[in-house]
Amino acid sequence: MNQSKNKKKLGLWMSTSLVIGNMIGAGVFLMPAALAAYGGISIVGWLASSAGTLVLALVFSKLSKLFLNKSGGPYAYTRAGFGDFAGFLVAWGYWISIWVGMAVMAIAFVSALTVLFPMLEENSIASVLTGLGAIWLLTWVNSRGVRESGKIQVVTTLLKLTPLLMIIVGGFFFFNIDNFIPFNVSDSSSFEAIAITSTMTLYAFLGFESATIPADNVKDPGKTIPRATMLGTIITTLVYILGTMSVMGMVPLKELAVSPAPFADAMGIMTGKLGRELVAGGAAIAAFGALNGWILIVGQLPRATAKDKLFPGIFKKENKRGVPVYGMLIGSALASGVMLMNYTEGLVEQFRFLILLGTLTALVPYLFTAAAYVSILLEKKLPSQPWLGIYGMGSLAFSYSLWAIFGAGEKAVFWGFILLMVGIPFYVFVKWRNKDST
């Protein structure tokens, strides 16, 4: 019986693909152009954000061992450390960031496809239908079980990595070290340039915690989740840094700064027109794979919260395959509405603002989780470690998360706080509804 159940769960490679796939979306294909204004020093920014993310990934990995089979990731850890209310706020904000992120991935998918199918750029109805089609096709796939979603994730992860690895390996044959001189081409000091680029690149790491959320749908979670979290984060880090270095080494900075498709330009230098189309296809697959992974998560997170009676009961209802399909449908419907905003005149600015808020509400759970890690260890009265041991690691993760939130800007922080506070009446209502239930 247990063997049969395990066959329906996510193994190491599916969990790792979930981590990599949710982190590497279409946005990374544009990152070298955004960093070109700072030059080679942006690589140091990548290293700084990578180091902070690896510390956070280590904290999540260790917490996953302490809470075996406990789904919800940052929500579950925050609730264990600080109680229902803090846990709810994290779940509320993180849930919003997921379906906003789904809309962003759907739009990125359509945008990448315009290179291969120019009519999508000229026909907004075709664009909308393509984006909605991607959301609801993958919602249907995910409704068939986590294994089906996991298979899609493995395939799309391999396909999206292929053009990136081709550029990393082949690019060094076309590498020009003069493109890195001077090392800092901006008007900012070296310290400021590193701080700015590390904040910019941080957003590319959102999603490293993905394997911790569907914990009760993972085989041998005590071993699989920590390994998948660290392995996925390390692989993604190497792809990001080596890919950026390779593109900067091939495309002169002046051209790179105004390039709408830097990886495609780099591949064009290596292989011509065919290579550009290959990269465009890779960007579309990257967005499609990330959308698939986030649709899995949009059902799993509120399900875990609803089981603890902090979200409405409809979110924990499952179909015959054990999938929280109602939560998935609600999330996909909300994502569809947000996606439509991007194609509605007058609402584009609001859409961009939602992206900003979505990013911030994904960062707040990292802050709470890092603090909860230290709180949980103190409560368990584990033996103390050196400064860079378990407590030091939690403090580093907390400090990095706080710095990342600061880097998001005062406008995002202000409205992000308001957004979290809007969840309080919802929390009171759900607690009132459940007050008499057992």
Protein backbone atom coordinates (compact mmCIF):
# COMPACT_ATOMS: atom_id res chain seq x y z
CA MET A 1 0.00 0.00 0.00
CA ASN A 2 2.79 2.44 0.99
CA GLN A 3 4.73 1.43 -2.13
CA SER A 4 1.69 2.25 -4.27
CA LYS A 5 1.30 5.65 -2.60
CA ASN A 6 5.01 6.40 -3.06
CA LYS A 7 4.72 5.79 -6.80
CA LYS A 8 2.32 8.74 -6.95
CA LYS A 9 4.68 11.09 -5.12
CA LEU A 10 7.52 13.36 -6.25
CA GLY A 11 11.01 11.84 -6.19
CA LEU A 12 14.38 13.61 -6.03
CA TRP A 13 14.59 14.62 -9.68
CA MET A 14 10.98 15.78 -9.89
CA SER A 15 11.42 17.82 -6.69
CA THR A 16 14.70 19.27 -7.96
CA SER A 17 13.03 20.12 -11.28
CA LEU A 18 10.27 21.90 -9.32
CA VAL A 19 12.90 24.06 -7.61
CA ILE A 20 14.88 24.81 -10.79
CA GLY A 21 11.75 25.21 -12.91
CA ASN A 22 10.08 27.67 -10.52
CA MET A 23 13.26 29.76 -10.26
CA ILE A 24 14.24 29.88 -13.93
CA GLY A 25 11.45 31.71 -15.72
CA ALA A 26 11.60 33.74 -18.92
CA GLY A 27 12.88 36.80 -17.02
CA VAL A 28 16.40 35.44 -16.65
CA PHE A 29 16.79 35.57 -20.44
CA LEU A 30 16.60 39.39 -20.15
CA MET A 31 18.79 39.78 -17.05
CA PRO A 32 22.17 40.38 -18.82
CA ALA A 33 20.69 43.43 -20.58
CA ALA A 34 19.47 44.87 -17.26
CA LEU A 35 22.91 44.33 -15.71
CA ALA A 36 24.89 45.72 -18.67
CA ALA A 37 24.58 49.27 -17.29
CA TYR A 38 26.90 48.21 -14.45
CA GLY A 39 29.31 46.01 -16.40
CA GLY A 40 31.32 43.07 -15.11
CA ILE A 41 30.88 44.14 -11.48
CA SER A 42 27.30 42.82 -11.73
CA ILE A 43 28.82 39.31 -11.52
CA VAL A 44 29.82 40.20 -7.95
CA GLY A 45 26.18 41.19 -7.38
CA TRP A 46 25.11 37.74 -8.61
CA LEU A 47 27.59 36.14 -6.18
CA ALA A 48 26.25 38.22 -3.27
CA SER A 49 22.59 37.33 -3.94
CA SER A 50 23.62 33.70 -4.54
CA ALA A 51 25.37 33.51 -1.17
CA GLY A 52 22.33 34.93 0.63
CA THR A 53 19.97 32.57 -1.19
CA LEU A 54 22.13 29.53 -0.38
CA VAL A 55 22.00 30.43 3.33
CA LEU A 56 18.20 30.71 3.11
CA ALA A 57 18.02 27.42 1.19
CA LEU A 58 20.06 25.76 3.95
CA VAL A 59 17.63 27.08 6.59
CA PHE A 60 14.65 25.72 4.63
CA SER A 61 16.44 22.39 4.16
CA LYS A 62 17.07 21.99 7.88
CA LEU A 63 13.50 22.96 8.77
CA SER A 64 12.15 20.39 6.31
CA LYS A 65 13.97 17.70 8.33
CA LEU A 66 12.39 18.94 11.55
CA PHE A 67 8.87 18.91 10.04
CA LEU A 68 8.64 15.71 8.03
CA ASN A 69 5.49 15.31 5.89
CA LYS A 70 4.35 18.82 6.91
CA SER A 71 3.20 20.70 3.83
CA GLY A 72 3.15 24.48 3.50
CA GLY A 73 6.85 25.36 3.54
CA PRO A 74 7.28 28.92 4.91
CA TYR A 75 3.71 28.93 6.26
CA ALA A 76 4.20 25.71 8.22
CA TYR A 77 7.56 26.80 9.65
CA THR A 78 6.30 30.27 10.62
CA ARG A 79 3.23 28.81 12.32
CA ALA A 80 5.40 26.37 14.26
CA GLY A 81 7.66 29.20 15.40
CA PHE A 82 5.18 32.01 16.08
CA GLY A 83 1.64 30.62 16.08
CA ASP A 84 -1.51 30.86 13.98
CA PHE A 85 -1.62 34.58 13.27
CA ALA A 86 1.95 34.90 11.96
CA GLY A 87 1.48 31.69 10.01
CA PHE A 88 -1.68 33.04 8.42
CA LEU A 89 -0.04 36.34 7.39
CA VAL A 90 2.77 34.45 5.67
CA ALA A 91 0.32 32.11 3.93
CA TRP A 92 -1.90 35.04 2.87
CA GLY A 93 0.92 37.07 1.37
CA TYR A 94 2.65 34.09 -0.21
CA TRP A 95 -0.60 32.82 -1.75
CA ILE A 96 -1.17 36.21 -3.39
CA SER A 97 2.39 36.25 -4.73
CA ILE A 98 1.84 32.81 -6.30
CA TRP A 99 -1.18 33.66 -8.43
CA VAL A 100 0.27 37.03 -9.38
CA GLY A 101 3.43 35.15 -10.40
CA MET A 102 1.33 32.75 -12.47
CA ALA A 103 -0.05 35.69 -14.44
CA VAL A 104 3.46 37.05 -14.98
CA MET A 105 4.63 33.66 -16.29
CA ALA A 106 1.65 33.39 -18.65
CA ILE A 107 2.42 36.83 -20.11
CA ALA A 108 6.15 35.99 -20.37
CA PHE A 109 5.22 32.80 -22.21
CA VAL A 110 3.19 34.71 -24.79
CA SER A 111 5.91 37.37 -25.08
CA ALA A 112 8.58 34.76 -25.84
CA LEU A 113 6.35 33.12 -28.44
CA THR A 114 6.03 36.39 -30.40
CA VAL A 115 9.55 35.82 -31.78
CA LEU A 116 8.39 32.56 -33.34
CA PHE A 117 4.81 33.68 -34.06
CA PRO A 118 4.77 37.46 -34.80
CA MET A 119 0.96 37.47 -35.10
CA LEU A 120 0.76 37.21 -31.30
CA GLU A 121 2.31 40.67 -31.06
CA GLU A 122 -0.19 42.15 -33.49
CA ASN A 123 -3.36 40.39 -32.31
CA SER A 124 -4.25 40.97 -28.64
CA ILE A 125 -7.13 38.48 -28.74
CA ALA A 126 -4.76 35.72 -29.91
CA SER A 127 -2.31 36.73 -27.17
CA VAL A 128 -4.98 36.59 -24.46
CA LEU A 129 -6.30 33.23 -25.64
CA THR A 130 -2.76 31.79 -25.76
CA GLY A 131 -2.01 32.96 -22.22
CA LEU A 132 -5.34 31.71 -20.85
CA GLY A 133 -4.89 28.45 -22.76
CA ALA A 134 -1.52 27.87 -21.08
CA ILE A 135 -2.94 28.53 -17.59
CA TRP A 136 -5.93 26.23 -17.98
CA LEU A 137 -4.11 23.47 -19.87
CA LEU A 138 -1.59 23.21 -17.05
CA THR A 139 -4.35 23.46 -14.44
CA TRP A 140 -5.92 20.39 -16.05
CA VAL A 141 -2.54 18.58 -16.10
CA ASN A 142 -1.97 19.38 -12.41
CA SER A 143 -5.49 18.20 -11.52
CA ARG A 144 -4.45 14.71 -12.66
CA GLY A 145 -1.94 14.35 -9.82
CA VAL A 146 1.45 15.59 -8.60
CA ARG A 147 3.29 12.93 -10.63
CA GLU A 148 1.78 14.24 -13.86
CA SER A 149 2.86 17.76 -12.93
CA GLY A 150 6.28 16.42 -11.95
CA LYS A 151 6.79 14.76 -15.35
CA ILE A 152 6.00 18.02 -17.15
CA GLN A 153 8.40 19.82 -14.83
CA VAL A 154 11.30 17.44 -15.55
CA VAL A 155 10.82 17.73 -19.33
CA THR A 156 10.44 21.53 -19.40
CA THR A 157 13.42 21.98 -17.04
CA LEU A 158 15.68 19.93 -19.33
CA LEU A 159 14.42 21.80 -22.40
CA LYS A 160 14.87 25.27 -20.86
CA LEU A 161 18.38 24.42 -19.63
CA THR A 162 19.53 23.19 -23.06
CA PRO A 163 19.97 26.59 -24.81
CA LEU A 164 21.40 28.14 -21.63
CA LEU A 165 24.02 25.39 -21.33
CA MET A 166 24.84 25.70 -25.04
CA ILE A 167 25.60 29.40 -24.52
CA ILE A 168 27.62 28.73 -21.36
CA VAL A 169 29.79 26.08 -23.03
CA GLY A 170 29.98 27.52 -26.54
CA GLY A 171 30.23 31.11 -25.41
CA PHE A 172 33.73 30.78 -24.05
CA PHE A 173 34.98 30.08 -27.59
CA PHE A 174 33.73 33.56 -28.55
CA PHE A 175 34.69 35.22 -25.25
CA ASN A 176 36.23 38.71 -25.30
CA ILE A 177 37.73 39.79 -21.97
CA ASP A 178 37.78 43.43 -23.16
CA ASN A 179 34.00 43.52 -22.64
CA PHE A 180 34.71 43.51 -18.87
CA ILE A 181 36.98 46.57 -18.96
CA PRO A 182 36.31 48.83 -17.12
CA PHE A 183 34.89 46.49 -14.50
CA ASN A 184 32.35 49.08 -13.25
CA VAL A 185 30.92 51.16 -16.10
CA SER A 186 28.23 52.89 -14.01
CA ASP A 187 28.41 56.24 -12.21
CA SER A 188 27.88 54.44 -8.88
CA SER A 189 30.65 53.43 -6.51
CA SER A 190 31.68 49.78 -6.53
CA PHE A 191 29.82 49.18 -3.26
CA GLU A 192 26.63 50.80 -4.58
CA ALA A 193 26.86 48.91 -7.87
CA ILE A 194 27.20 45.59 -6.05
CA ALA A 195 24.29 46.41 -3.72
CA ILE A 196 22.01 47.44 -6.61
CA THR A 197 22.84 44.45 -8.83
CA SER A 198 22.54 41.98 -5.97
CA THR A 199 19.04 43.33 -5.24
CA MET A 200 18.13 43.11 -8.93
CA THR A 201 19.36 39.53 -9.23
CA LEU A 202 17.75 38.41 -5.97
CA TYR A 203 14.34 38.25 -7.64
CA ALA A 204 15.63 35.57 -9.99
CA PHE A 205 16.01 33.26 -6.98
CA LEU A 206 12.40 33.43 -5.82
CA GLY A 207 11.03 29.89 -5.74
CA PHE A 208 14.01 28.04 -4.22
CA GLU A 209 11.68 26.93 -1.38
CA SER A 210 9.22 25.22 -3.76
CA ALA A 211 10.07 21.64 -2.76
CA THR A 212 9.13 22.32 0.89
CA ILE A 213 5.51 23.25 0.10
CA PRO A 214 4.07 19.91 -1.16
CA ALA A 215 6.01 17.98 1.53
CA ASP A 216 3.40 15.25 2.08
CA ASN A 217 3.47 14.54 -1.66
CA VAL A 218 7.24 13.91 -1.69
CA LYS A 219 8.90 10.51 -1.33
CA ASP A 220 11.10 10.24 1.78
CA PRO A 221 10.77 14.00 2.50
CA GLY A 222 13.46 14.00 5.19
CA LYS A 223 16.09 13.26 2.55
CA THR A 224 14.48 14.35 -0.71
CA ILE A 225 13.41 17.90 0.18
CA PRO A 226 16.75 19.11 1.61
CA ARG A 227 18.66 17.54 -1.28
CA ALA A 228 16.28 18.93 -3.92
CA THR A 229 16.34 22.42 -2.34
CA MET A 230 20.13 22.64 -2.20
CA LEU A 231 20.78 20.85 -5.50
CA GLY A 232 18.21 22.96 -7.35
CA THR A 233 19.55 26.21 -5.86
CA ILE A 234 23.18 25.36 -6.64
CA ILE A 235 22.44 24.32 -10.24
CA THR A 236 20.38 27.46 -10.84
CA THR A 237 23.10 29.65 -9.31
CA LEU A 238 25.75 28.19 -11.63
CA VAL A 239 23.50 28.63 -14.67
CA TYR A 240 22.76 32.26 -13.77
CA ILE A 241 26.35 33.34 -13.10
CA LEU A 242 28.06 31.41 -15.91
CA GLY A 243 25.30 32.34 -18.37
CA THR A 244 25.61 36.07 -17.58
CA MET A 245 29.41 35.93 -17.83
CA SER A 246 29.22 34.13 -21.16
CA VAL A 247 26.74 36.60 -22.69
CA MET A 248 28.70 39.62 -21.42
CA GLY A 249 31.86 38.08 -22.85
CA MET A 250 30.28 37.76 -26.31
CA VAL A 251 28.09 40.87 -26.71
CA PRO A 252 29.68 44.34 -26.25
CA LEU A 253 28.13 46.19 -23.30
CA LYS A 254 26.75 49.06 -25.42
CA GLU A 255 24.84 46.58 -27.59
CA LEU A 256 23.87 44.45 -24.61
CA ALA A 257 22.34 47.38 -22.71
CA VAL A 258 19.75 47.97 -25.46
CA SER A 259 19.21 44.34 -26.43
CA PRO A 260 15.61 43.03 -26.13
CA ALA A 261 16.93 39.44 -26.19
CA PRO A 262 20.54 39.19 -24.93
CA PHE A 263 20.75 35.38 -24.84
CA ALA A 264 19.31 35.25 -28.36
CA ASP A 265 21.92 37.78 -29.54
CA ALA A 266 24.67 35.67 -27.98
CA MET A 267 23.35 32.51 -29.62
CA GLY A 268 23.07 34.42 -32.90
CA ILE A 269 26.82 35.14 -32.75
CA MET A 270 27.44 31.41 -32.37
CA THR A 271 24.92 29.87 -34.76
CA GLY A 272 23.02 32.57 -36.66
CA LYS A 273 19.22 32.89 -37.05
CA LEU A 274 18.50 29.29 -36.05
CA GLY A 275 20.15 29.89 -32.69
CA ARG A 276 18.06 32.99 -32.02
CA GLU A 277 14.88 30.99 -32.57
CA LEU A 278 16.19 28.21 -30.34
CA VAL A 279 16.70 30.67 -27.48
CA ALA A 280 13.24 32.18 -28.05
CA GLY A 281 11.81 28.68 -27.77
CA GLY A 282 13.85 28.13 -24.60
CA ALA A 283 12.44 31.31 -23.05
CA ALA A 284 8.89 30.20 -23.88
CA ILE A 285 9.53 26.76 -22.36
CA ALA A 286 11.10 28.40 -19.29
CA ALA A 287 7.93 30.43 -18.70
CA PHE A 288 5.69 27.44 -19.43
CA GLY A 289 7.62 25.23 -16.97
CA ALA A 290 7.59 27.90 -14.25
CA LEU A 291 3.84 28.34 -14.76
CA ASN A 292 3.37 24.59 -14.34
CA GLY A 293 5.32 24.56 -11.09
CA TRP A 294 3.50 27.53 -9.60
CA ILE A 295 0.10 26.04 -10.47
CA LEU A 296 1.11 22.98 -8.42
CA ILE A 297 2.07 25.25 -5.51
CA VAL A 298 -1.10 27.43 -5.73
CA GLY A 299 -3.17 24.40 -4.73
CA GLN A 300 -0.79 22.93 -2.16
CA LEU A 301 -0.13 26.00 0.02
CA PRO A 302 -3.76 26.98 0.80
CA ARG A 303 -4.55 23.27 1.26
CA ALA A 304 -2.03 23.06 4.11
CA THR A 305 -3.39 26.29 5.60
CA ALA A 306 -7.01 25.12 5.32
CA LYS A 307 -6.14 21.86 7.09
CA ASP A 308 -5.07 23.98 10.05
CA LYS A 309 -8.42 25.86 9.80
CA LEU A 310 -6.80 29.16 8.84
CA PHE A 311 -8.17 29.21 5.27
CA PRO A 312 -11.73 28.30 4.17
CA GLY A 313 -12.40 24.57 4.01
CA ILE A 314 -12.93 24.57 0.23
CA PHE A 315 -9.15 24.87 -0.22
CA LYS A 316 -8.52 21.46 1.35
CA LYS A 317 -11.10 19.55 -0.72
CA GLU A 318 -9.42 17.01 -2.99
CA ASN A 319 -10.45 15.12 -6.10
CA LYS A 320 -10.11 11.33 -6.41
CA ARG A 321 -6.42 11.73 -7.28
CA GLY A 322 -5.71 13.54 -3.99
CA VAL A 323 -5.30 16.94 -5.67
CA PRO A 324 -6.68 20.11 -3.94
CA VAL A 325 -8.41 20.98 -7.18
CA TYR A 326 -10.69 23.75 -5.86
CA GLY A 327 -7.76 25.73 -4.52
CA MET A 328 -6.04 25.24 -7.87
CA LEU A 329 -9.11 26.44 -9.78
CA ILE A 330 -9.47 29.53 -7.57
CA GLY A 331 -5.78 30.37 -8.01
CA SER A 332 -5.93 29.90 -11.79
CA ALA A 333 -9.06 32.06 -12.02
CA LEU A 334 -7.37 34.88 -10.08
CA ALA A 335 -4.22 34.56 -12.21
CA SER A 336 -6.37 34.75 -15.36
CA GLY A 337 -7.96 37.98 -14.11
CA VAL A 338 -4.56 39.53 -13.34
CA MET A 339 -3.23 38.45 -16.75
CA LEU A 340 -6.16 40.16 -18.48
CA MET A 341 -5.18 43.42 -16.76
CA ASN A 342 -2.01 43.48 -18.86
CA TYR A 343 -4.09 43.55 -22.03
CA THR A 344 -6.52 46.20 -20.77
CA GLU A 345 -5.71 49.82 -21.56
CA GLY A 346 -5.45 51.86 -18.39
CA LEU A 347 -4.72 48.88 -16.17
CA VAL A 348 -1.15 48.14 -17.30
CA GLU A 349 0.37 50.32 -14.56
CA GLN A 350 -1.75 48.55 -11.94
CA PHE A 351 -0.51 45.24 -13.29
CA ARG A 352 3.13 46.29 -12.97
CA PHE A 353 2.44 47.43 -9.44
CA LEU A 354 0.94 44.02 -8.63
CA ILE A 355 4.16 42.39 -9.81
CA LEU A 356 6.08 44.58 -7.36
CA LEU A 357 3.73 43.66 -4.52
CA GLY A 358 3.85 39.99 -5.50
CA THR A 359 7.62 40.03 -5.26
CA LEU A 360 7.59 41.68 -1.84
CA THR A 361 4.98 39.28 -0.44
CA ALA A 362 7.24 36.42 -1.52
CA LEU A 363 10.18 37.97 0.36
CA VAL A 364 8.35 38.44 3.67
CA PRO A 365 7.96 34.66 4.25
CA TYR A 366 11.75 34.29 4.02
CA LEU A 367 12.14 36.80 6.83
CA PHE A 368 9.59 35.02 9.04
CA THR A 369 11.03 31.58 8.27
CA ALA A 370 14.56 32.64 9.19
CA ALA A 371 13.31 34.05 12.52
CA ALA A 372 11.14 30.98 13.12
CA TYR A 373 14.18 28.74 12.57
CA VAL A 374 16.04 30.34 15.46
CA SER A 375 12.90 30.38 17.63
CA ILE A 376 12.19 26.68 17.02
CA LEU A 377 15.78 25.68 17.81
CA LEU A 378 15.75 27.71 21.03
CA GLU A 379 12.46 26.10 22.04
CA LYS A 380 13.84 22.62 21.36
CA LYS A 381 16.88 23.58 23.49
CA LEU A 382 19.35 22.10 21.06
CA PRO A 383 23.03 22.44 22.03
CA SER A 384 24.49 25.76 21.02
CA GLN A 385 26.85 26.00 18.05
CA PRO A 386 29.64 28.42 17.05
CA TRP A 387 28.64 31.80 15.62
CA LEU A 388 28.45 30.37 12.10
CA GLY A 389 26.51 27.37 13.37
CA ILE A 390 22.75 26.91 13.43
CA TYR A 391 21.85 30.14 15.27
CA GLY A 392 24.37 32.18 13.31
CA MET A 393 22.97 30.78 10.08
CA GLY A 394 19.43 31.77 11.08
CA SER A 395 20.62 35.28 11.93
CA LEU A 396 22.41 35.58 8.57
CA ALA A 397 19.29 34.40 6.74
CA PHE A 398 17.13 36.90 8.67
CA SER A 399 19.53 39.79 7.99
CA TYR A 400 19.71 38.95 4.29
CA SER A 401 15.91 38.76 4.01
CA LEU A 402 15.52 42.12 5.77
CA TRP A 403 18.09 43.69 3.45
CA ALA A 404 16.27 42.25 0.40
CA ILE A 405 12.95 43.72 1.58
CA PHE A 406 14.68 47.09 2.10
CA GLY A 407 16.02 46.84 -1.45
CA ALA A 408 12.49 46.44 -2.83
CA GLY A 409 11.90 50.15 -2.16
CA GLU A 410 9.71 52.12 0.24
CA LYS A 411 6.67 52.15 -2.05
CA ALA A 412 6.59 48.36 -2.33
CA VAL A 413 7.18 47.94 1.41
CA PHE A 414 4.37 50.37 2.30
CA TRP A 415 1.78 48.79 0.02
CA GLY A 416 2.98 45.31 0.87
CA PHE A 417 2.30 46.06 4.53
CA ILE A 418 -1.18 47.33 3.63
CA LEU A 419 -1.80 44.17 1.61
CA LEU A 420 -0.87 41.98 4.58
CA MET A 421 -3.13 44.02 6.86
CA VAL A 422 -6.05 43.54 4.44
CA GLY A 423 -5.78 39.84 5.26
CA ILE A 424 -6.59 40.43 8.95
CA PRO A 425 -10.41 40.68 8.51
CA PHE A 426 -10.21 37.51 6.42
CA TYR A 427 -8.32 35.81 9.29
CA VAL A 428 -10.93 36.96 11.85
CA PHE A 429 -13.76 35.70 9.63
CA VAL A 430 -12.20 32.25 9.13
CA LYS A 431 -11.45 31.89 12.86
CA TRP A 432 -15.05 32.87 13.67
CA ARG A 433 -16.42 30.33 11.18
CA ASN A 434 -14.27 27.58 12.68
CA LYS A 435 -14.72 28.48 16.37
CA ASP A 436 -17.30 25.77 17.01
CA SER A 437 -15.75 23.06 14.84
CA THR A 438 -13.69 20.30 16.34
